[in-house]
Amino acid sequence: MTKKLCLGLSVLLLMTSGLLANGLNLNGVGTKAVTMGGAFIGLANDYSAVFWNPAGLTQIKKPQFFLFETNLMPDCSYVGNGGYTGISAGTNSKTYFSGAIGYLHPINDRLIVGLAAYIPAGVGASWNENELAPMTGGNAYIWRSFFCIATFSPTIAYKITDTFSLGATFNVNYGYLKMERYVVGQYTEKLHGWTVGATFGAFFKPSDRFSAGLMFRTPSKVTFKGTAEMPGAAGYGLATSTDAQREATWPMFMGAGVAYKPVQKLTLTADAQYTNWKKMQEVPITFSADYWDAYFGSANAFIWHWKNAVQWRFGAEYAINQTWAIRGGYYYDPTCSPTNTLNILLPEATYNAVTFGVGVNTGKVSLDFGVEYLMGKDATKTEGLMTGVYGVNILVPNVSFTYHF
């Protein structure tokens, strides 16, 4: 997979703010799953099980090709206090696109294989530089960040018994980071790197009315390499550009879920999903040019002090008939970031999110339409740089297309 192709997938998504659940995770893959509040580990009965719980793919009986497209419309704000009183800024109003694509092929009644590409993680910000100019002596510098992980996943699932399945994906991950901000004048950093990991799932369905699932995604270490540029370094007698490198451990993610049908047409789901964000306490940077580390290393290190987080997700689907279904959900997504490490280039918030969707299945074609709205809780930073009130809300309409061969 070339760098250009990966960026072609990921640039549609990021360069914005608030495109995340806790930490760096996005909200999930698949319109049906997302509009059921992302409570899908214990149901896992469409293509998005590749992401949520690959063991559930054994419920798919025909080959299928799928596309998922989502439109992220964030609204972030910063109102300074203390030494930053008088600064009131917002992100640029834009719509950003992301999605997934893949193919699944049952080999027989028990075995299914497939391949998917999707973006499970990302964060960024694109701010109105004129509104931040008072912070840098009236000079308007670019404040923009872009981080993503694009994943390419061969997948396999096998039905061990009539009621129990196991599944796995091998995840090839490409990470890309671009940051533009003020340090000594304009600073720009561009890094990228590869890493691999895996997702394992178990799925248990003893009856048509009840199912349950478990999933585990391994941690993986990634080294980001690239360049940093800062014309202002010439004032220190230093080179204005240099090679740069960051190392980070992408954290472990795990979850459990159940699905239950109290009546034939109604399905209820609930999930608990845990991310080990504590692994990403700090992400330092090293520069190859002489004295860059001494002058600029600490200013460009990511000091996050994140804590582990658990999301609670709930969903429902009502089948009006064999063709139409309506869906809804809610999830609580606590931030992993303490308020004293908040910054405008890595928007963080505790979200209460509501979701709604409609699905139509003609037999050959499935179309799913949905929307989610993430209501971020304002956070007040009282220590460190850029003290003030940080806010974020996100509107996310999305659509899925599945063709059943």
Protein backbone atom coordinates (compact mmCIF):
# COMPACT_ATOMS: atom_id res chain seq x y z
CA MET A 1 0.00 0.00 0.00
CA THR A 2 1.61 3.26 -1.06
CA LYS A 3 1.80 6.36 1.06
CA LYS A 4 -0.27 8.30 -1.50
CA LEU A 5 -3.11 5.77 -1.35
CA CYS A 6 -3.16 5.79 2.45
CA LEU A 7 -3.23 9.56 2.54
CA GLY A 8 -5.98 9.49 -0.05
CA LEU A 9 -8.07 7.56 2.47
CA SER A 10 -7.09 9.55 5.52
CA VAL A 11 -6.99 13.12 4.22
CA LEU A 12 -10.73 12.82 3.57
CA LEU A 13 -11.15 12.39 7.29
CA LEU A 14 -8.90 14.60 9.30
CA MET A 15 -7.31 18.07 9.37
CA THR A 16 -10.11 19.14 11.66
CA SER A 17 -11.03 19.11 15.33
CA GLY A 18 -12.94 16.82 17.60
CA LEU A 19 -12.97 13.85 15.24
CA LEU A 20 -12.55 11.43 18.06
CA ALA A 21 -14.03 9.45 20.85
CA ASN A 22 -11.79 9.22 23.93
CA GLY A 23 -8.09 9.74 23.29
CA LEU A 24 -7.38 9.30 19.60
CA ASN A 25 -10.11 6.79 18.73
CA LEU A 26 -12.86 7.58 16.28
CA ASN A 27 -16.43 6.56 17.01
CA GLY A 28 -16.49 3.31 15.05
CA VAL A 29 -17.13 1.71 11.67
CA GLY A 30 -20.47 0.97 9.99
CA THR A 31 -23.72 2.91 9.92
CA LYS A 32 -25.80 0.19 11.57
CA ALA A 33 -23.32 -0.21 14.41
CA VAL A 34 -22.78 3.53 14.90
CA THR A 35 -26.50 4.33 14.94
CA MET A 36 -27.00 1.66 17.61
CA GLY A 37 -24.70 3.70 19.83
CA GLY A 38 -21.67 1.61 18.88
CA ALA A 39 -23.02 -1.19 21.10
CA PHE A 40 -22.22 -3.89 18.57
CA ILE A 41 -19.72 -6.36 20.05
CA GLY A 42 -22.49 -8.72 21.16
CA LEU A 43 -24.51 -8.39 17.90
CA ALA A 44 -21.79 -8.10 15.21
CA ASN A 45 -24.09 -9.21 12.39
CA ASP A 46 -22.87 -7.10 9.45
CA TYR A 47 -19.58 -6.19 7.76
CA SER A 48 -18.53 -3.82 10.55
CA ALA A 49 -17.83 -6.87 12.75
CA VAL A 50 -14.37 -6.66 11.14
CA PHE A 51 -13.84 -3.71 13.49
CA TRP A 52 -16.14 -4.53 16.43
CA ASN A 53 -15.85 -8.32 16.78
CA PRO A 54 -14.53 -10.43 13.87
CA ALA A 55 -16.02 -13.64 15.31
CA GLY A 56 -19.50 -12.34 14.47
CA LEU A 57 -18.71 -12.52 10.75
CA THR A 58 -19.76 -16.19 10.75
CA GLN A 59 -23.36 -14.89 10.66
CA ILE A 60 -22.77 -13.66 7.09
CA LYS A 61 -23.87 -16.35 4.62
CA LYS A 62 -23.28 -14.71 1.21
CA PRO A 63 -20.30 -12.86 -0.30
CA GLN A 64 -20.64 -9.12 0.06
CA PHE A 65 -18.96 -5.88 -0.93
CA PHE A 66 -19.38 -2.88 1.36
CA LEU A 67 -18.78 0.86 1.48
CA PHE A 68 -19.13 3.13 4.51
CA GLU A 69 -18.99 6.92 4.27
CA THR A 70 -19.23 9.38 7.13
CA ASN A 71 -19.27 13.20 7.25
CA LEU A 72 -17.78 14.84 10.31
CA MET A 73 -18.92 18.36 11.16
CA PRO A 74 -17.09 19.56 14.29
CA ASP A 75 -17.47 22.79 16.20
CA CYS A 76 -14.66 23.53 18.69
CA SER A 77 -14.12 26.64 20.76
CA TYR A 78 -11.54 28.16 23.09
CA VAL A 79 -12.14 31.11 25.43
CA GLY A 80 -9.03 32.18 27.33
CA ASN A 81 -8.77 33.29 30.92
CA GLY A 82 -5.95 34.43 33.20
CA GLY A 83 -3.09 35.60 30.98
CA TYR A 84 -5.14 34.64 27.93
CA THR A 85 -8.22 36.72 28.78
CA GLY A 86 -9.68 38.36 25.70
CA ILE A 87 -8.89 35.49 23.34
CA SER A 88 -11.96 33.77 21.89
CA ALA A 89 -11.36 31.38 19.00
CA GLY A 90 -13.12 28.67 17.04
CA THR A 91 -12.25 26.08 14.45
CA ASN A 92 -12.87 26.64 10.76
CA SER A 93 -16.32 25.50 9.62
CA LYS A 94 -15.79 22.50 7.33
CA THR A 95 -17.14 19.05 6.55
CA TYR A 96 -14.69 16.16 6.45
CA PHE A 97 -15.19 12.73 4.95
CA SER A 98 -14.04 9.27 6.01
CA GLY A 99 -15.14 5.68 5.61
CA ALA A 100 -14.39 2.04 5.01
CA ILE A 101 -14.33 -0.40 2.11
CA GLY A 102 -14.01 -4.16 1.92
CA TYR A 103 -15.11 -7.58 0.71
CA LEU A 104 -16.22 -10.65 2.71
CA HIS A 105 -16.43 -14.19 1.32
CA PRO A 106 -17.88 -17.24 3.11
CA ILE A 107 -15.87 -20.35 2.18
CA ASN A 108 -18.50 -22.70 3.61
CA ASP A 109 -21.11 -22.73 6.39
CA ARG A 110 -18.43 -22.36 9.07
CA LEU A 111 -15.54 -20.37 7.58
CA ILE A 112 -15.45 -16.80 6.25
CA VAL A 113 -12.53 -14.65 5.08
CA GLY A 114 -12.27 -11.06 3.94
CA LEU A 115 -10.30 -7.85 3.59
CA ALA A 116 -11.17 -4.37 4.86
CA ALA A 117 -9.60 -0.92 4.93
CA TYR A 118 -10.77 1.71 7.41
CA ILE A 119 -9.59 4.51 9.72
CA PRO A 120 -10.00 3.57 13.40
CA ALA A 121 -8.22 6.54 14.96
CA GLY A 122 -7.55 10.20 14.36
CA VAL A 123 -7.53 13.66 15.83
CA GLY A 124 -6.69 17.16 14.73
CA ALA A 125 -7.58 20.82 14.65
CA SER A 126 -7.76 23.64 12.11
CA TRP A 127 -8.19 26.96 13.91
CA ASN A 128 -8.91 30.50 12.77
CA GLU A 129 -5.39 31.93 13.07
CA ASN A 130 -6.58 35.55 13.22
CA GLU A 131 -8.57 34.84 16.38
CA LEU A 132 -5.42 33.41 18.02
CA ALA A 133 -3.14 36.23 16.86
CA PRO A 134 -3.37 38.20 20.16
CA MET A 135 -1.56 35.28 21.81
CA THR A 136 1.51 35.80 19.57
CA GLY A 137 1.85 39.57 19.56
CA GLY A 138 -0.73 40.14 16.86
CA ASN A 139 1.00 37.88 14.34
CA ALA A 140 -1.28 35.30 12.71
CA TYR A 141 0.39 31.88 12.70
CA ILE A 142 -1.13 28.65 11.42
CA TRP A 143 -2.48 26.42 14.20
CA ARG A 144 -3.36 23.11 12.62
CA SER A 145 -2.82 19.43 13.34
CA PHE A 146 -3.54 16.18 11.55
CA PHE A 147 -3.06 12.69 12.97
CA CYS A 148 -4.53 9.41 11.74
CA ILE A 149 -4.14 5.67 11.73
CA ALA A 150 -5.32 3.91 8.56
CA THR A 151 -5.77 0.15 8.97
CA PHE A 152 -5.75 -2.65 6.39
CA SER A 153 -7.16 -5.87 7.83
CA PRO A 154 -7.22 -9.38 6.35
CA THR A 155 -9.79 -11.22 8.46
CA ILE A 156 -10.93 -14.77 9.21
CA ALA A 157 -13.72 -16.22 11.34
CA TYR A 158 -14.66 -19.83 12.08
CA LYS A 159 -17.75 -21.35 13.69
CA ILE A 160 -16.43 -23.88 16.22
CA THR A 161 -19.88 -25.15 17.12
CA ASP A 162 -23.39 -24.15 16.09
CA THR A 163 -23.40 -21.58 18.90
CA PHE A 164 -19.76 -20.46 19.28
CA SER A 165 -17.38 -18.71 16.87
CA LEU A 166 -13.86 -17.30 16.95
CA GLY A 167 -12.41 -14.64 14.67
CA ALA A 168 -9.29 -12.56 14.09
CA THR A 169 -7.90 -9.79 11.93
CA PHE A 170 -4.27 -9.03 11.17
CA ASN A 171 -4.00 -5.23 11.30
CA VAL A 172 -1.44 -3.40 9.16
CA ASN A 173 -1.50 0.19 10.41
CA TYR A 174 -0.11 3.29 8.74
CA GLY A 175 0.20 6.41 10.90
CA TYR A 176 0.59 9.98 9.68
CA LEU A 177 1.15 13.15 11.71
CA LYS A 178 1.33 16.76 10.58
CA MET A 179 1.46 19.70 12.99
CA GLU A 180 1.70 23.43 12.40
CA ARG A 181 1.97 25.81 15.34
CA TYR A 182 3.92 28.67 16.88
CA VAL A 183 7.20 27.84 18.64
CA VAL A 184 9.85 30.30 17.49
CA GLY A 185 7.79 31.63 14.64
CA GLN A 186 6.02 29.07 12.47
CA TYR A 187 6.82 25.41 13.22
CA THR A 188 5.85 22.50 10.94
CA GLU A 189 6.29 18.79 11.65
CA LYS A 190 5.51 15.90 9.26
CA LEU A 191 6.02 12.30 10.40
CA HIS A 192 4.79 8.86 9.37
CA GLY A 193 5.32 5.21 10.31
CA TRP A 194 4.06 1.62 10.09
CA THR A 195 3.06 -0.85 12.76
CA VAL A 196 1.20 -4.15 12.96
CA GLY A 197 -1.23 -5.68 15.43
CA ALA A 198 -4.23 -7.96 15.65
CA THR A 199 -7.84 -8.09 16.78
CA PHE A 200 -9.33 -11.24 18.32
CA GLY A 201 -13.00 -11.94 18.91
CA ALA A 202 -15.34 -14.54 20.39
CA PHE A 203 -19.05 -14.76 19.68
CA PHE A 204 -21.68 -16.87 21.45
CA LYS A 205 -25.26 -17.20 20.20
CA PRO A 206 -27.20 -19.93 22.00
CA SER A 207 -30.58 -18.81 20.63
CA ASP A 208 -32.19 -16.40 18.19
CA ARG A 209 -33.03 -14.10 21.10
CA PHE A 210 -29.64 -13.75 22.82
CA SER A 211 -26.00 -13.35 21.82
CA ALA A 212 -22.81 -12.14 23.49
CA GLY A 213 -19.32 -11.21 22.36
CA LEU A 214 -15.80 -10.39 23.50
CA MET A 215 -13.03 -8.63 21.58
CA PHE A 216 -9.38 -7.72 22.20
CA ARG A 217 -7.11 -5.50 20.10
CA THR A 218 -3.40 -5.80 20.80
CA PRO A 219 -1.13 -2.86 21.64
CA SER A 220 1.52 -2.03 19.07
CA LYS A 221 4.59 0.18 19.10
CA VAL A 222 5.11 2.61 16.24
CA THR A 223 8.05 4.84 15.31
CA PHE A 224 7.13 8.01 13.42
CA LYS A 225 9.90 9.48 11.28
CA GLY A 226 10.01 12.57 9.10
CA THR A 227 11.04 16.21 9.12
CA ALA A 228 10.58 19.37 11.17
CA GLU A 229 10.92 22.91 9.81
CA MET A 230 11.19 26.21 11.67
CA PRO A 231 12.63 29.29 9.90
CA GLY A 232 12.97 31.01 13.30
CA ALA A 233 15.72 28.55 14.31
CA ALA A 234 18.11 30.64 12.18
CA GLY A 235 17.97 33.25 14.94
CA TYR A 236 19.73 30.73 17.21
CA GLY A 237 22.34 29.98 14.57
CA LEU A 238 20.75 26.59 13.90
CA ALA A 239 19.55 24.78 10.82
CA THR A 240 15.98 25.68 9.82
CA SER A 241 15.00 22.05 9.14
CA THR A 242 15.94 18.64 10.52
CA ASP A 243 14.98 14.99 10.62
CA ALA A 244 12.65 14.17 13.52
CA GLN A 245 11.31 11.06 15.24
CA ARG A 246 8.64 10.12 17.78
CA GLU A 247 7.90 6.73 19.37
CA ALA A 248 4.58 5.71 20.90
CA THR A 249 2.75 2.56 21.94
CA TRP A 250 -0.71 2.32 20.40
CA PRO A 251 -2.78 1.11 23.37
CA MET A 252 -4.68 -2.07 23.98
CA PHE A 253 -8.45 -1.97 23.41
CA MET A 254 -10.98 -4.53 24.64
CA GLY A 255 -14.73 -4.82 25.04
CA ALA A 256 -17.69 -7.00 25.88
CA GLY A 257 -21.27 -6.81 24.70
CA VAL A 258 -24.65 -8.49 24.70
CA ALA A 259 -27.69 -8.43 22.43
CA TYR A 260 -31.20 -9.46 23.42
CA LYS A 261 -34.57 -9.67 21.66
CA PRO A 262 -37.41 -9.16 24.18
CA VAL A 263 -39.82 -9.51 21.24
CA GLN A 264 -39.21 -10.73 17.69
CA LYS A 265 -38.91 -7.31 16.03
CA LEU A 266 -36.90 -5.51 18.73
CA THR A 267 -33.18 -5.95 19.42
CA LEU A 268 -31.46 -4.31 22.39
CA THR A 269 -27.68 -4.09 22.79
CA ALA A 270 -25.20 -2.96 25.45
CA ASP A 271 -21.39 -2.74 25.46
CA ALA A 272 -18.54 -1.80 27.79
CA GLN A 273 -15.34 -0.81 25.93
CA TYR A 274 -11.98 -0.16 27.60
CA THR A 275 -8.86 1.57 26.25
CA ASN A 276 -5.48 1.49 28.00
CA TRP A 277 -4.66 5.16 27.26
CA LYS A 278 -2.30 5.27 30.25
CA LYS A 279 0.33 3.80 27.91
CA MET A 280 0.49 7.18 26.18
CA GLN A 281 1.60 9.36 29.09
CA GLU A 282 4.25 11.17 27.05
CA VAL A 283 5.39 11.14 23.42
CA PRO A 284 8.76 12.94 23.21
CA ILE A 285 10.47 14.01 20.00
CA THR A 286 14.12 13.79 18.98
CA PHE A 287 15.80 15.92 16.32
CA SER A 288 18.92 15.03 14.34
CA ALA A 289 20.20 18.60 13.86
CA ASP A 290 22.70 19.88 16.40
CA TYR A 291 21.18 21.59 19.46
CA TRP A 292 17.56 21.28 18.27
CA ASP A 293 16.80 18.90 21.15
CA ALA A 294 18.27 21.32 23.68
CA TYR A 295 16.42 24.38 22.37
CA PHE A 296 13.14 22.95 21.09
CA GLY A 297 12.76 19.36 22.34
CA SER A 298 10.74 20.06 25.48
CA ALA A 299 8.53 22.60 23.70
CA ASN A 300 7.48 19.97 21.15
CA ALA A 301 7.08 16.91 23.38
CA PHE A 302 3.53 15.62 23.90
CA ILE A 303 2.96 15.58 27.66
CA TRP A 304 -0.52 14.11 28.10
CA HIS A 305 -0.68 12.14 31.39
CA TRP A 306 -3.70 10.31 30.05
CA LYS A 307 -5.71 7.84 32.10
CA ASN A 308 -7.53 4.68 31.08
CA ALA A 309 -11.14 5.10 29.96
CA VAL A 310 -14.30 2.99 29.67
CA GLN A 311 -17.10 3.79 27.23
CA TRP A 312 -20.65 2.63 28.01
CA ARG A 313 -22.80 2.08 24.92
CA PHE A 314 -26.47 1.18 24.40
CA GLY A 315 -28.49 0.59 21.25
CA ALA A 316 -31.79 -0.60 19.82
CA GLU A 317 -33.13 -1.75 16.46
CA TYR A 318 -36.80 -2.20 15.53
CA ALA A 319 -37.62 -4.16 12.37
CA ILE A 320 -40.73 -2.57 10.90
CA ASN A 321 -40.89 -5.39 8.33
CA GLN A 322 -38.42 -7.54 6.37
CA THR A 323 -37.24 -4.48 4.43
CA TRP A 324 -37.22 -1.51 6.83
CA ALA A 325 -35.67 -0.98 10.25
CA ILE A 326 -35.14 2.00 12.56
CA ARG A 327 -32.29 2.31 15.05
CA GLY A 328 -31.21 4.48 17.93
CA GLY A 329 -28.59 4.61 20.64
CA TYR A 330 -26.68 6.46 23.32
CA TYR A 331 -23.12 6.28 24.59
CA TYR A 332 -21.11 7.88 27.36
CA ASP A 333 -17.52 8.55 26.39
CA PRO A 334 -15.33 10.00 29.19
CA THR A 335 -12.20 11.89 28.26
CA CYS A 336 -8.87 10.29 29.10
CA SER A 337 -7.18 13.69 29.44
CA PRO A 338 -6.76 15.66 32.68
CA THR A 339 -7.68 19.31 32.22
CA ASN A 340 -4.14 20.58 32.86
CA THR A 341 -2.86 18.89 29.66
CA LEU A 342 -5.61 20.13 27.33
CA ASN A 343 -4.44 21.92 24.20
CA ILE A 344 -6.19 23.25 21.14
CA LEU A 345 -4.33 20.96 18.72
CA LEU A 346 -5.56 17.83 20.49
CA PRO A 347 -9.22 18.48 21.30
CA GLU A 348 -10.56 16.35 24.16
CA ALA A 349 -13.93 16.22 25.90
CA THR A 350 -16.28 13.97 27.79
CA TYR A 351 -19.11 13.19 25.40
CA ASN A 352 -22.74 12.27 25.80
CA ALA A 353 -23.74 11.07 22.34
CA VAL A 354 -27.11 10.22 20.78
CA THR A 355 -27.60 8.34 17.51
CA PHE A 356 -30.42 7.58 15.09
CA GLY A 357 -30.66 5.64 11.83
CA VAL A 358 -32.81 3.94 9.22
CA GLY A 359 -31.99 0.79 7.24
CA VAL A 360 -33.48 -0.74 4.11
CA ASN A 361 -32.66 -4.24 2.84
CA THR A 362 -33.90 -5.40 -0.57
CA GLY A 363 -32.11 -8.75 -0.41
CA LYS A 364 -29.40 -7.86 -2.93
CA VAL A 365 -28.70 -4.37 -1.58
CA SER A 366 -28.63 -2.94 1.93
CA LEU A 367 -28.66 0.83 2.48
CA ASP A 368 -28.25 2.34 5.93
CA PHE A 369 -28.56 6.02 6.80
CA GLY A 370 -27.72 7.55 10.15
CA VAL A 371 -26.62 10.50 12.23
CA GLU A 372 -24.89 10.88 15.57
CA TYR A 373 -24.45 13.98 17.68
CA LEU A 374 -21.67 14.17 20.24
CA MET A 375 -22.29 16.73 22.98
CA GLY A 376 -18.97 17.58 24.60
CA LYS A 377 -18.78 18.79 28.18
CA ASP A 378 -16.90 22.09 28.45
CA ALA A 379 -13.61 21.78 30.36
CA THR A 380 -11.82 24.60 32.19
CA LYS A 381 -8.02 24.55 32.26
CA THR A 382 -6.53 26.51 35.18
CA GLU A 383 -2.83 25.56 34.98
CA GLY A 384 -0.13 25.66 32.33
CA LEU A 385 -0.27 27.20 28.86
CA MET A 386 -3.48 28.45 27.27
CA THR A 387 -5.70 28.39 30.33
CA GLY A 388 -9.37 28.82 29.60
CA VAL A 389 -12.55 27.00 28.62
CA TYR A 390 -12.40 24.33 25.91
CA GLY A 391 -15.55 23.16 24.14
CA VAL A 392 -16.44 20.74 21.34
CA ASN A 393 -19.60 19.32 19.70
CA ILE A 394 -19.72 17.08 16.61
CA LEU A 395 -22.48 16.28 14.12
CA VAL A 396 -21.83 13.09 12.11
CA PRO A 397 -24.22 11.98 9.32
CA ASN A 398 -23.21 8.73 7.60
CA VAL A 399 -24.32 6.12 5.08
CA SER A 400 -23.49 2.48 4.24
CA PHE A 401 -23.93 0.47 1.06
CA THR A 402 -23.69 -3.33 0.99
CA TYR A 403 -24.11 -5.51 -2.10
CA HIS A 404 -24.91 -9.18 -1.41
CA PHE A 405 -23.79 -11.47 -4.23
